[in-house]
């Protein structure tokens, strides 16, 4: 087990995903599974949804379409580069 602090590890993970962000999901695989998750979760118009660790938005974008103008979608990610 590492003696590294939680904040140090968090910074490492954020930096790693920041480096990966430009090429992350270049094939679009996550889009399929993001849409599938929205379907299975039965997201409906007017829902409020929070996507934690949203990455490049594979779940956020189809969710925004599904909830419509009366819904609300928030996505957060540790890596600024992913958002």
Protein backbone atom coordinates (compact mmCIF):
# COMPACT_ATOMS: atom_id res chain seq x y z
CA UNK A 1 0.00 0.00 0.00
CA UNK A 2 1.26 3.43 -0.90
CA UNK A 3 2.14 6.10 1.65
CA UNK A 4 0.92 8.72 -0.77
CA UNK A 5 -1.70 11.17 0.48
CA UNK A 6 -5.25 10.98 -0.87
CA UNK A 7 -4.84 14.46 -2.37
CA UNK A 8 -1.64 13.40 -4.11
CA UNK A 9 -3.30 10.30 -5.56
CA UNK A 10 -6.30 12.38 -6.66
CA UNK A 11 -3.98 14.80 -8.48
CA UNK A 12 -2.23 11.88 -10.20
CA UNK A 13 -5.51 10.39 -11.41
CA UNK A 14 -6.78 13.77 -12.63
CA UNK A 15 -3.52 14.37 -14.52
CA UNK A 16 -3.59 10.90 -16.08
CA UNK A 17 -7.14 11.34 -17.38
CA UNK A 18 -6.29 14.86 -18.50
CA UNK A 19 -3.56 13.40 -20.71
CA UNK A 20 -5.93 10.72 -22.04
CA UNK A 21 -8.85 13.10 -22.66
CA UNK A 22 -8.11 14.08 -26.28
CA UNK A 23 -8.11 10.43 -27.40
CA UNK A 24 -10.54 9.04 -24.83
CA UNK A 25 -13.25 6.96 -26.49
CA UNK A 26 -12.07 7.80 -30.00
CA UNK A 27 -14.06 4.80 -31.29
CA UNK A 28 -17.30 5.90 -29.61
CA UNK A 29 -17.79 2.72 -27.56
CA UNK A 30 -18.91 4.60 -24.48
CA UNK A 31 -21.68 6.37 -26.41
CA UNK A 32 -23.46 3.08 -26.96
CA UNK A 33 -23.26 2.12 -23.29
CA UNK A 34 -24.17 5.64 -22.18
CA UNK A 35 -27.35 5.53 -24.20
CA UNK A 36 -28.07 2.05 -22.90
CA UNK A 37 -27.67 3.22 -19.29
CA UNK A 38 -30.11 6.09 -19.89
CA UNK A 39 -32.61 3.59 -21.30
CA UNK A 40 -32.20 1.05 -18.48
CA UNK A 41 -32.40 3.77 -15.81
CA UNK A 42 -35.67 4.91 -17.39
CA UNK A 43 -34.65 8.55 -17.43
CA UNK A 44 -37.73 10.56 -18.37
CA UNK A 45 -38.63 14.14 -19.29
CA UNK A 46 -38.38 16.44 -16.30
CA UNK A 47 -35.93 14.27 -14.33
CA UNK A 48 -32.94 15.74 -12.52
CA UNK A 49 -29.74 13.73 -13.06
CA UNK A 50 -26.22 13.99 -11.64
CA UNK A 51 -23.44 12.13 -13.47
CA UNK A 52 -20.39 11.78 -11.24
CA UNK A 53 -17.16 11.00 -13.12
CA UNK A 54 -18.90 12.01 -16.36
CA UNK A 55 -15.77 11.79 -18.48
CA UNK A 56 -16.44 12.97 -22.03
CA UNK A 57 -20.24 12.91 -21.58
CA UNK A 58 -21.28 9.47 -22.81
CA UNK A 59 -24.18 9.53 -20.35
CA UNK A 60 -24.64 13.30 -20.05
CA UNK A 61 -25.50 13.99 -23.69
CA UNK A 62 -28.21 11.35 -24.16
CA UNK A 63 -29.58 12.27 -20.73
CA UNK A 64 -29.91 15.94 -21.71
CA UNK A 65 -31.91 14.90 -24.76
CA UNK A 66 -34.13 12.64 -22.68
CA UNK A 67 -34.94 15.04 -19.80
CA UNK A 68 -35.84 17.89 -22.13
CA UNK A 69 -36.23 21.53 -21.22
CA UNK A 70 -37.99 20.79 -17.93
CA UNK A 71 -35.22 18.50 -16.67
CA UNK A 72 -31.76 19.19 -15.35
CA UNK A 73 -28.48 17.36 -15.94
CA UNK A 74 -25.19 18.04 -14.16
CA UNK A 75 -21.92 16.31 -14.98
CA UNK A 76 -18.76 16.50 -12.89
CA UNK A 77 -15.37 14.89 -13.30
CA UNK A 78 -12.11 14.95 -11.40
CA UNK A 79 -10.20 15.73 -14.59
CA UNK A 80 -10.86 19.16 -16.08
CA UNK A 81 -9.58 17.86 -19.43
CA UNK A 82 -12.33 15.25 -19.62
CA UNK A 83 -15.08 17.82 -19.21
